[in-house]
N, C-alpha and C. Protein backbone atom coordinates (compact mmCIF):
# COMPACT_ATOMS: atom_id res chain seq x y z
N MET A 1 17.77 -10.81 -4.10
CA MET A 1 16.25 -11.86 -2.97
C MET A 1 15.18 -12.23 -4.15
N ASN A 2 14.48 -13.38 -3.88
CA ASN A 2 13.25 -13.31 -4.49
C ASN A 2 11.95 -12.88 -4.19
N ILE A 3 10.91 -12.68 -5.16
CA ILE A 3 9.54 -12.49 -4.89
C ILE A 3 9.01 -13.60 -3.33
N PRO A 4 9.02 -12.71 -2.56
CA PRO A 4 8.34 -13.51 -1.45
C PRO A 4 7.58 -14.22 -1.86
N SER A 5 6.27 -14.32 -2.62
CA SER A 5 5.52 -15.05 -2.71
C SER A 5 5.75 -16.15 -3.56
N GLY A 6 6.49 -15.85 -4.49
CA GLY A 6 6.56 -17.00 -5.77
C GLY A 6 6.05 -16.44 -6.82
N ARG A 7 5.42 -15.94 -6.78
CA ARG A 7 4.13 -15.36 -8.04
C ARG A 7 4.09 -13.55 -7.98
N PRO A 8 3.86 -13.61 -9.22
CA PRO A 8 4.08 -12.01 -9.55
C PRO A 8 3.33 -10.77 -8.47
N PHE A 9 3.40 -9.95 -7.99
CA PHE A 9 2.88 -9.37 -7.27
C PHE A 9 2.01 -8.29 -8.47
N ILE A 10 0.85 -7.99 -8.06
CA ILE A 10 0.09 -7.57 -9.35
C ILE A 10 -0.68 -6.15 -8.40
N LEU A 11 -0.03 -4.94 -8.69
CA LEU A 11 -0.65 -3.92 -8.05
C LEU A 11 -1.97 -3.19 -8.41
N ILE A 12 -3.01 -2.93 -7.59
CA ILE A 12 -4.01 -2.48 -8.08
C ILE A 12 -4.65 -1.17 -7.23
N GLY A 13 -5.55 -0.29 -8.04
CA GLY A 13 -5.50 0.58 -6.97
C GLY A 13 -5.78 1.81 -7.17
N MET A 14 -6.50 3.14 -7.18
CA MET A 14 -6.89 4.40 -7.90
C MET A 14 -5.31 5.02 -8.05
N PRO A 15 -5.81 6.17 -9.50
CA PRO A 15 -4.77 6.55 -10.15
C PRO A 15 -3.42 7.59 -8.87
N GLY A 16 -2.49 7.55 -8.68
CA GLY A 16 -2.01 8.24 -7.87
C GLY A 16 -1.59 7.69 -5.82
N ALA A 17 -2.06 5.92 -6.28
CA ALA A 17 -1.77 4.89 -5.68
C ALA A 17 -0.29 4.59 -5.03
N GLY A 18 0.62 5.00 -6.29
CA GLY A 18 1.80 4.29 -6.42
C GLY A 18 2.09 3.42 -6.83
N LYS A 19 0.91 2.91 -7.67
CA LYS A 19 0.83 1.35 -8.27
C LYS A 19 2.49 1.06 -9.07
N THR A 20 2.81 2.46 -10.14
CA THR A 20 4.46 2.10 -10.58
C THR A 20 5.62 2.37 -10.12
N TYR A 21 5.14 3.31 -9.09
CA TYR A 21 6.87 3.77 -7.79
C TYR A 21 6.75 2.36 -7.21
N TRP A 22 5.49 1.45 -7.06
CA TRP A 22 6.17 0.41 -5.95
C TRP A 22 6.28 -0.39 -6.83
N ALA A 23 6.36 -1.00 -8.13
CA ALA A 23 6.28 -1.88 -8.53
C ALA A 23 7.87 -1.95 -8.96
N GLN A 24 8.31 -0.17 -9.27
CA GLN A 24 9.68 0.20 -9.89
C GLN A 24 10.61 -0.43 -8.78
N ARG A 25 10.17 -0.20 -7.69
CA ARG A 25 11.33 -0.22 -6.44
C ARG A 25 10.98 -1.39 -5.88
N LEU A 26 10.53 -2.23 -5.90
CA LEU A 26 10.23 -3.50 -5.03
C LEU A 26 11.69 -4.80 -6.49
N ALA A 27 11.10 -3.98 -7.49
CA ALA A 27 11.89 -4.71 -9.02
C ALA A 27 13.66 -4.30 -8.34
N ALA A 28 14.20 -3.05 -8.46
CA ALA A 28 15.18 -3.03 -8.40
C ALA A 28 15.68 -3.33 -6.96
N ALA A 29 15.09 -3.24 -5.57
CA ALA A 29 14.98 -4.01 -4.20
C ALA A 29 15.40 -5.18 -4.31
N TRP A 30 14.08 -6.30 -5.16
CA TRP A 30 14.28 -7.75 -4.92
C TRP A 30 14.67 -8.46 -6.27
N GLY A 31 15.20 -7.84 -7.32
CA GLY A 31 15.52 -8.21 -8.65
C GLY A 31 14.12 -8.26 -9.38
N GLY A 32 14.40 -8.90 -10.84
CA GLY A 32 12.96 -9.06 -11.26
C GLY A 32 12.38 -8.01 -12.12
N ALA A 33 11.34 -8.24 -12.89
CA ALA A 33 11.04 -7.48 -14.14
C ALA A 33 9.91 -6.98 -13.54
N ALA A 34 9.71 -5.49 -13.96
CA ALA A 34 8.41 -4.75 -13.18
C ALA A 34 8.16 -4.05 -14.59
N LEU A 35 6.41 -4.03 -15.03
CA LEU A 35 5.98 -3.28 -15.96
C LEU A 35 4.79 -2.43 -15.69
N ASP A 36 4.61 -1.61 -16.18
CA ASP A 36 3.20 -0.90 -16.19
C ASP A 36 3.01 -0.76 -17.22
N LEU A 37 1.47 -1.02 -17.23
CA LEU A 37 0.34 -1.92 -17.91
C LEU A 37 -0.01 -0.85 -18.80
N ASP A 38 -0.08 0.51 -18.42
CA ASP A 38 -0.19 1.86 -19.30
C ASP A 38 1.00 1.75 -20.50
N ALA A 39 1.99 1.19 -20.10
CA ALA A 39 3.36 2.01 -20.44
C ALA A 39 3.67 0.99 -21.72
N GLU A 40 2.96 -0.44 -21.29
CA GLU A 40 3.12 -1.92 -22.30
C GLU A 40 2.09 -1.47 -23.47
N ILE A 41 1.16 -0.89 -23.11
CA ILE A 41 -0.12 -0.54 -23.80
C ILE A 41 0.69 0.07 -24.78
N ALA A 42 1.07 1.57 -24.55
CA ALA A 42 1.18 3.02 -25.57
C ALA A 42 2.25 2.00 -26.12
N ARG A 43 3.35 1.34 -25.79
CA ARG A 43 4.34 0.59 -26.84
C ARG A 43 3.59 -0.13 -27.87
N ILE A 44 2.80 -0.86 -27.10
CA ILE A 44 2.22 -2.45 -28.47
C ILE A 44 1.47 -1.53 -29.20
N SER A 45 0.54 -0.69 -28.63
CA SER A 45 0.12 -0.41 -29.44
C SER A 45 0.46 1.28 -30.67
N GLY A 46 1.89 1.88 -30.28
CA GLY A 46 2.49 2.53 -30.89
C GLY A 46 2.24 3.94 -30.71
N THR A 47 1.20 4.34 -29.44
CA THR A 47 0.66 5.55 -29.46
C THR A 47 0.27 5.72 -28.18
N SER A 48 0.26 7.02 -27.55
CA SER A 48 -0.12 7.06 -25.90
C SER A 48 -1.38 7.04 -25.40
N ILE A 49 -1.53 6.55 -24.27
CA ILE A 49 -3.13 6.45 -24.24
C ILE A 49 -4.03 7.48 -23.92
N PRO A 50 -3.55 8.97 -23.72
CA PRO A 50 -4.85 9.57 -23.58
C PRO A 50 -5.04 9.73 -25.52
N GLU A 51 -3.93 9.72 -26.61
CA GLU A 51 -4.39 8.90 -27.91
C GLU A 51 -5.50 8.29 -27.94
N ILE A 52 -5.05 7.00 -27.67
CA ILE A 52 -6.23 5.92 -27.61
C ILE A 52 -7.52 6.13 -27.37
N PHE A 53 -7.30 7.18 -26.16
CA PHE A 53 -9.17 7.78 -25.64
C PHE A 53 -9.63 8.59 -26.75
N ALA A 54 -8.91 9.43 -26.93
CA ALA A 54 -9.39 10.46 -28.31
C ALA A 54 -9.91 9.61 -29.60
N SER A 55 -8.80 8.88 -29.56
CA SER A 55 -9.09 8.09 -30.92
C SER A 55 -10.20 6.86 -31.28
N GLN A 56 -9.72 6.19 -29.98
CA GLN A 56 -11.17 4.67 -29.69
C GLN A 56 -11.71 5.07 -28.37
N GLY A 57 -11.77 6.01 -27.60
CA GLY A 57 -12.91 6.62 -26.71
C GLY A 57 -12.50 5.39 -25.54
N GLU A 58 -12.99 4.95 -24.43
CA GLU A 58 -12.55 4.15 -23.41
C GLU A 58 -12.63 2.90 -23.99
N ALA A 59 -14.08 2.68 -24.18
CA ALA A 59 -13.69 1.30 -24.96
C ALA A 59 -12.90 0.49 -25.86
N GLY A 60 -12.53 1.68 -26.96
CA GLY A 60 -11.01 0.99 -27.69
C GLY A 60 -10.10 0.88 -26.33
N PHE A 61 -9.64 1.89 -25.11
CA PHE A 61 -8.75 1.34 -24.60
C PHE A 61 -8.95 0.71 -23.88
N ARG A 62 -9.93 -0.06 -23.45
CA ARG A 62 -10.34 -1.27 -22.05
C ARG A 62 -10.31 -2.52 -23.20
N LYS A 63 -10.30 -2.45 -24.78
CA LYS A 63 -9.79 -3.33 -25.36
C LYS A 63 -8.36 -3.60 -25.55
N TRP A 64 -7.57 -2.80 -25.92
CA TRP A 64 -6.54 -2.39 -25.65
C TRP A 64 -5.81 -3.69 -24.69
N GLU A 65 -6.54 -2.39 -23.22
CA GLU A 65 -6.04 -2.97 -21.80
C GLU A 65 -6.18 -4.32 -21.44
N ARG A 66 -7.50 -5.04 -22.28
CA ARG A 66 -7.37 -6.52 -21.65
C ARG A 66 -6.64 -7.05 -22.72
N GLU A 67 -6.53 -7.27 -24.02
CA GLU A 67 -5.49 -7.82 -24.51
C GLU A 67 -4.25 -7.81 -24.26
N VAL A 68 -3.76 -6.60 -23.75
CA VAL A 68 -2.34 -6.68 -23.30
C VAL A 68 -2.30 -7.29 -21.89
N LEU A 69 -2.90 -7.18 -21.18
CA LEU A 69 -2.59 -7.92 -20.04
C LEU A 69 -2.69 -9.45 -19.95
N GLN A 70 -3.63 -9.94 -20.75
CA GLN A 70 -3.51 -11.03 -21.40
C GLN A 70 -2.46 -11.39 -21.84
N ALA A 71 -2.14 -10.94 -23.04
CA ALA A 71 -0.63 -11.36 -23.04
C ALA A 71 0.45 -11.21 -22.24
N VAL A 72 0.93 -10.24 -20.92
CA VAL A 72 1.48 -10.08 -20.30
C VAL A 72 1.32 -10.95 -19.07
N LEU A 73 0.37 -11.50 -18.31
CA LEU A 73 -0.20 -12.65 -17.47
C LEU A 73 0.32 -13.95 -18.11
N ILE A 74 0.12 -14.33 -19.54
CA ILE A 74 0.47 -15.61 -19.82
C ILE A 74 1.93 -15.71 -20.32
N SER A 75 2.70 -14.49 -20.74
CA SER A 75 3.83 -14.44 -20.43
C SER A 75 5.30 -14.86 -19.77
N GLY A 76 4.69 -14.66 -18.05
CA GLY A 76 5.22 -15.00 -16.77
C GLY A 76 6.67 -13.95 -16.75
N LYS A 77 6.58 -13.35 -17.63
CA LYS A 77 8.18 -12.53 -17.59
C LYS A 77 7.72 -11.12 -16.58
N THR A 78 7.01 -11.22 -15.58
CA THR A 78 6.34 -9.49 -15.10
C THR A 78 6.78 -10.03 -14.02
N ASP A 79 7.38 -9.86 -12.98
CA ASP A 79 7.35 -10.14 -11.12
C ASP A 79 6.51 -9.17 -10.84
N PHE A 80 6.51 -7.97 -10.98
CA PHE A 80 5.93 -6.52 -10.60
C PHE A 80 4.89 -5.97 -11.63
N LEU A 81 4.04 -5.97 -11.55
CA LEU A 81 2.76 -5.48 -12.49
C LEU A 81 2.26 -4.45 -12.14
N ALA A 82 2.09 -3.17 -12.81
CA ALA A 82 1.28 -1.88 -12.43
C ALA A 82 0.27 -2.15 -12.93
N THR A 83 -0.93 -1.91 -12.79
CA THR A 83 -2.32 -1.90 -13.51
C THR A 83 -2.89 -0.85 -13.53
N GLY A 84 -3.61 -0.32 -14.51
CA GLY A 84 -4.26 0.98 -14.21
C GLY A 84 -5.45 0.79 -13.44
N GLY A 85 -5.71 2.10 -13.04
CA GLY A 85 -7.14 2.03 -12.02
C GLY A 85 -8.17 1.64 -12.23
N GLY A 86 -8.74 1.41 -13.50
CA GLY A 86 -9.33 0.87 -13.93
C GLY A 86 -9.36 -1.02 -14.03
N THR A 87 -8.53 -1.45 -14.50
CA THR A 87 -8.33 -2.71 -15.11
C THR A 87 -9.08 -3.58 -14.36
N PRO A 88 -9.11 -3.63 -13.39
CA PRO A 88 -9.55 -4.68 -11.82
C PRO A 88 -10.89 -4.55 -12.49
N CYS A 89 -11.75 -3.68 -12.62
CA CYS A 89 -13.11 -3.40 -12.69
C CYS A 89 -13.91 -3.97 -14.61
N HIS A 90 -12.90 -4.57 -15.17
CA HIS A 90 -13.96 -4.36 -16.61
C HIS A 90 -13.59 -6.41 -17.07
N GLY A 91 -14.59 -6.72 -17.74
CA GLY A 91 -14.31 -7.91 -17.58
C GLY A 91 -14.30 -8.92 -16.90
N ASN A 92 -13.10 -9.91 -17.03
CA ASN A 92 -12.70 -11.13 -16.65
C ASN A 92 -11.21 -10.71 -16.15
N ASN A 93 -11.21 -9.36 -16.10
CA ASN A 93 -9.76 -9.19 -15.98
C ASN A 93 -9.23 -9.62 -14.26
N LEU A 94 -10.42 -8.80 -13.54
CA LEU A 94 -9.57 -9.00 -12.34
C LEU A 94 -9.72 -11.14 -11.67
N ALA A 95 -10.35 -11.64 -12.49
CA ALA A 95 -10.11 -13.23 -12.10
C ALA A 95 -8.89 -13.32 -12.54
N GLN A 96 -8.12 -12.74 -13.60
CA GLN A 96 -7.28 -13.16 -14.33
C GLN A 96 -5.69 -13.11 -13.96
N MET A 97 -5.84 -12.17 -13.46
CA MET A 97 -5.14 -11.44 -12.40
C MET A 97 -5.04 -12.31 -10.95
N GLN A 98 -6.19 -12.46 -10.61
CA GLN A 98 -6.39 -13.33 -9.09
C GLN A 98 -5.46 -14.81 -9.36
N ALA A 99 -5.71 -15.59 -10.65
CA ALA A 99 -5.08 -16.81 -11.13
C ALA A 99 -3.44 -16.60 -11.44
N ALA A 100 -3.13 -15.26 -11.82
CA ALA A 100 -1.71 -15.34 -12.70
C ALA A 100 -1.11 -14.98 -10.79
N GLY A 101 -1.41 -14.17 -10.31
CA GLY A 101 -0.36 -13.85 -9.38
C GLY A 101 -1.18 -13.29 -7.88
N THR A 102 -0.76 -12.60 -7.14
CA THR A 102 -0.85 -12.21 -6.03
C THR A 102 -1.28 -10.50 -5.70
N VAL A 103 -2.50 -10.81 -6.13
CA VAL A 103 -3.16 -9.02 -6.16
C VAL A 103 -3.12 -8.39 -5.02
N ILE A 104 -2.36 -7.32 -5.13
CA ILE A 104 -2.32 -6.37 -3.71
C ILE A 104 -3.04 -5.06 -3.96
N TYR A 105 -3.82 -4.35 -3.47
CA TYR A 105 -4.86 -3.01 -3.43
C TYR A 105 -3.86 -2.43 -2.36
N LEU A 106 -3.35 -1.13 -3.23
CA LEU A 106 -2.66 -0.20 -2.68
C LEU A 106 -3.88 0.92 -2.55
N GLN A 107 -4.39 1.04 -0.96
CA GLN A 107 -5.43 1.73 -0.78
C GLN A 107 -4.58 3.26 -0.19
N ALA A 108 -5.44 4.50 -0.46
CA ALA A 108 -4.78 5.67 -0.49
C ALA A 108 -6.17 6.32 -0.17
N PRO A 109 -6.50 7.43 0.80
CA PRO A 109 -7.56 8.45 0.43
C PRO A 109 -7.77 9.17 -0.08
N VAL A 110 -8.66 9.85 -0.51
CA VAL A 110 -8.69 10.82 -1.48
C VAL A 110 -7.84 11.69 -1.91
N ALA A 111 -7.87 12.40 -0.86
CA ALA A 111 -7.03 13.36 -0.78
C ALA A 111 -5.61 13.17 -0.73
N VAL A 112 -4.59 12.23 -0.57
CA VAL A 112 -3.82 11.53 -0.75
C VAL A 112 -3.39 11.50 -2.20
N LEU A 113 -4.81 10.70 -2.86
CA LEU A 113 -4.40 10.82 -4.80
C LEU A 113 -4.53 12.09 -5.11
N ALA A 114 -4.80 12.75 -4.29
CA ALA A 114 -5.32 13.78 -5.55
C ALA A 114 -4.27 14.73 -5.07
N ARG A 115 -3.68 15.11 -4.32
CA ARG A 115 -2.26 15.37 -3.95
C ARG A 115 -1.28 15.26 -5.20
N ARG A 116 -1.66 14.03 -5.07
CA ARG A 116 0.08 13.72 -5.98
C ARG A 116 -0.32 13.55 -7.17
N ILE A 117 -1.95 13.68 -7.92
CA ILE A 117 -2.08 13.50 -9.00
C ILE A 117 -1.46 15.24 -9.50
N LEU A 118 -2.44 15.95 -8.68
CA LEU A 118 -1.97 17.61 -8.79
C LEU A 118 -0.17 17.75 -8.82
N SER A 119 0.45 17.27 -7.70
CA SER A 119 1.63 17.63 -7.88
C SER A 119 2.53 17.38 -8.74
N ASP A 120 2.17 15.89 -9.45
CA ASP A 120 2.74 15.17 -11.22
C ASP A 120 2.05 15.69 -11.92
N GLY A 121 1.63 16.89 -11.76
CA GLY A 121 0.95 17.51 -13.42
C GLY A 121 0.28 16.61 -13.91
N ASP A 122 -0.18 15.57 -13.52
CA ASP A 122 -0.67 14.59 -14.53
C ASP A 122 -2.46 14.74 -15.16
N THR A 123 -1.61 14.00 -16.13
CA THR A 123 -2.88 14.15 -17.15
C THR A 123 -3.20 12.97 -17.83
N ARG A 124 -3.89 12.53 -16.53
CA ARG A 124 -4.64 11.43 -16.81
C ARG A 124 -6.48 11.08 -17.55
N PRO A 125 -6.36 10.57 -18.61
CA PRO A 125 -7.22 10.94 -19.58
C PRO A 125 -8.95 10.82 -18.85
N LEU A 126 -9.03 10.00 -17.63
CA LEU A 126 -10.38 10.06 -17.44
C LEU A 126 -9.82 11.40 -16.29
N LEU A 127 -9.15 12.05 -15.79
CA LEU A 127 -9.52 12.84 -14.79
C LEU A 127 -8.85 14.30 -15.70
N ALA A 128 -8.57 14.70 -17.14
CA ALA A 128 -7.50 15.18 -17.65
C ALA A 128 -8.86 16.89 -17.45
N GLY A 129 -8.13 18.08 -16.87
CA GLY A 129 -9.14 19.38 -17.17
C GLY A 129 -9.94 19.70 -15.73
N CYS A 130 -9.45 18.60 -14.71
CA CYS A 130 -10.61 18.89 -13.55
C CYS A 130 -9.85 20.17 -12.40
N SER A 131 -10.48 20.81 -11.79
CA SER A 131 -10.22 21.65 -11.29
C SER A 131 -9.81 20.88 -10.14
N GLU A 132 -9.54 21.32 -8.90
CA GLU A 132 -9.22 20.50 -7.72
C GLU A 132 -10.48 19.90 -6.89
N THR A 133 -10.62 20.92 -7.05
CA THR A 133 -12.89 20.47 -6.25
C THR A 133 -12.96 19.58 -7.08
N GLU A 134 -13.19 19.71 -8.58
CA GLU A 134 -13.64 18.51 -9.68
C GLU A 134 -13.05 17.31 -9.00
N LEU A 135 -11.72 17.31 -9.30
CA LEU A 135 -10.73 16.17 -9.02
C LEU A 135 -11.12 15.38 -7.97
N LEU A 136 -11.33 16.13 -6.81
CA LEU A 136 -11.84 15.50 -5.75
C LEU A 136 -12.85 14.47 -5.49
N GLN A 137 -14.14 15.33 -6.59
CA GLN A 137 -15.03 14.83 -6.59
C GLN A 137 -15.02 13.44 -7.28
N LYS A 138 -14.72 13.65 -8.10
CA LYS A 138 -14.34 12.74 -9.44
C LYS A 138 -13.82 11.31 -9.06
N LEU A 139 -13.11 11.55 -7.78
CA LEU A 139 -11.83 10.17 -7.04
C LEU A 139 -12.55 9.62 -6.30
N ALA A 140 -13.60 10.85 -5.75
CA ALA A 140 -14.56 10.09 -4.61
C ALA A 140 -15.80 9.05 -5.43
N SER A 141 -15.95 9.58 -6.28
CA SER A 141 -17.30 8.87 -6.78
C SER A 141 -16.57 7.45 -7.69
N THR A 142 -15.28 8.08 -8.44
CA THR A 142 -14.58 6.55 -8.30
C THR A 142 -14.48 5.50 -8.10
N LEU A 143 -14.09 6.10 -6.72
CA LEU A 143 -13.51 5.10 -5.33
C LEU A 143 -14.82 4.50 -5.30
N VAL A 144 -15.88 5.02 -5.31
CA VAL A 144 -17.17 4.29 -4.40
C VAL A 144 -17.25 3.29 -5.48
N ALA A 145 -17.32 3.39 -6.46
CA ALA A 145 -17.22 2.10 -7.61
C ALA A 145 -16.28 1.37 -7.85
N ARG A 146 -14.87 1.68 -7.73
CA ARG A 146 -14.18 0.28 -8.18
C ARG A 146 -13.71 -0.18 -6.73
N GLU A 147 -14.21 0.17 -5.38
CA GLU A 147 -14.34 -0.17 -4.38
C GLU A 147 -14.05 -2.12 -4.09
N PRO A 148 -15.33 -2.11 -4.79
CA PRO A 148 -15.66 -3.31 -4.44
C PRO A 148 -15.20 -4.34 -5.17
N PHE A 149 -14.41 -4.22 -6.46
CA PHE A 149 -13.33 -4.33 -7.62
C PHE A 149 -12.07 -4.98 -6.49
N TYR A 150 -11.40 -3.36 -6.08
CA TYR A 150 -10.16 -3.88 -5.27
C TYR A 150 -10.48 -4.62 -4.19
N GLN A 151 -11.37 -4.58 -3.63
CA GLN A 151 -11.54 -5.38 -1.87
C GLN A 151 -11.47 -6.48 -2.37
N GLN A 152 -11.54 -7.26 -3.64
CA GLN A 152 -11.64 -8.48 -3.64
C GLN A 152 -9.66 -9.21 -4.34
N ALA A 153 -9.17 -8.30 -4.00
CA ALA A 153 -7.35 -8.24 -3.92
C ALA A 153 -7.15 -9.28 -2.79
N HIS A 154 -6.24 -10.39 -3.24
CA HIS A 154 -5.03 -11.01 -1.61
C HIS A 154 -5.07 -10.51 -0.49
N HIS A 155 -4.52 -9.34 -1.22
CA HIS A 155 -4.16 -8.43 0.10
C HIS A 155 -4.26 -6.47 -0.09
N THR A 156 -4.43 -6.28 1.36
CA THR A 156 -4.83 -4.50 0.95
C THR A 156 -3.95 -3.77 1.80
N LEU A 157 -2.88 -2.79 1.40
CA LEU A 157 -2.14 -2.31 2.05
C LEU A 157 -2.42 -0.75 2.13
N ALA A 158 -2.31 -0.45 3.29
CA ALA A 158 -2.59 1.49 3.10
C ALA A 158 -1.13 1.71 2.76
N VAL A 159 -1.34 3.14 1.76
CA VAL A 159 -0.12 3.34 1.37
C VAL A 159 0.60 4.13 2.18
N GLU A 160 -0.22 4.74 3.37
CA GLU A 160 0.67 5.68 3.96
C GLU A 160 1.71 4.55 5.33
N GLY A 161 2.39 4.56 5.12
CA GLY A 161 3.94 4.30 5.74
C GLY A 161 4.16 2.72 5.46
N LEU A 162 4.13 2.27 3.95
CA LEU A 162 4.21 1.64 3.45
C LEU A 162 6.20 1.54 2.69
N SER A 163 6.20 -0.13 3.28
CA SER A 163 7.17 -0.36 2.93
C SER A 163 7.87 -1.20 2.41
N GLU A 164 9.16 -1.79 1.86
CA GLU A 164 9.42 -2.87 0.84
C GLU A 164 9.21 -4.01 2.04
N THR A 165 9.25 -3.73 3.26
CA THR A 165 9.08 -4.30 4.01
C THR A 165 7.91 -5.27 4.56
N THR A 166 6.60 -4.60 4.23
CA THR A 166 5.64 -4.68 4.44
C THR A 166 5.15 -5.56 3.35
N PHE A 167 5.41 -5.15 2.08
CA PHE A 167 5.63 -6.74 0.86
C PHE A 167 5.99 -7.87 1.05
N ALA A 168 7.62 -8.01 1.42
CA ALA A 168 7.96 -9.16 2.07
C ALA A 168 7.17 -10.03 3.12
N ALA A 169 6.19 -9.34 3.94
CA ALA A 169 5.63 -10.44 5.00
C ALA A 169 3.97 -10.71 4.32
N LEU A 170 4.44 -10.62 3.13
CA LEU A 170 3.04 -11.01 2.49
C LEU A 170 3.25 -12.48 1.88
């Protein structure tokens, strides 16, 4: 099956929304290439995302993110792109994504995000070291800041009850 829209699906949303999961699942079901932007940054930079944050700070990471995103979009070789949670909120990343593909916001309640992040034992650099209460507070405040960017996606899909059929209808 081909990508229904004929353009790459670019998934945005908060950490824990399922962007990487859905990019991989859709690529497996429909054929095509899935790419996780953070994994590509790590591959190209030769270092992990936490190491980039530790050595270069968030500004250094965002520079890598911008450059790798642009290269990925220009290449046209990715059918399903899972971005980092903050990717659409910096520079002209969102405009580039909107021009290159179909941007889909995977929307999830903060409680769902926290549960997923905690169950994964994840150590995301901007959320590392948070207690459960701190994680909920940090996710809630981050979502408020990022929501205006996320709402500019071509489509918004609630993660609860999401299926391949939902994506195919876009």
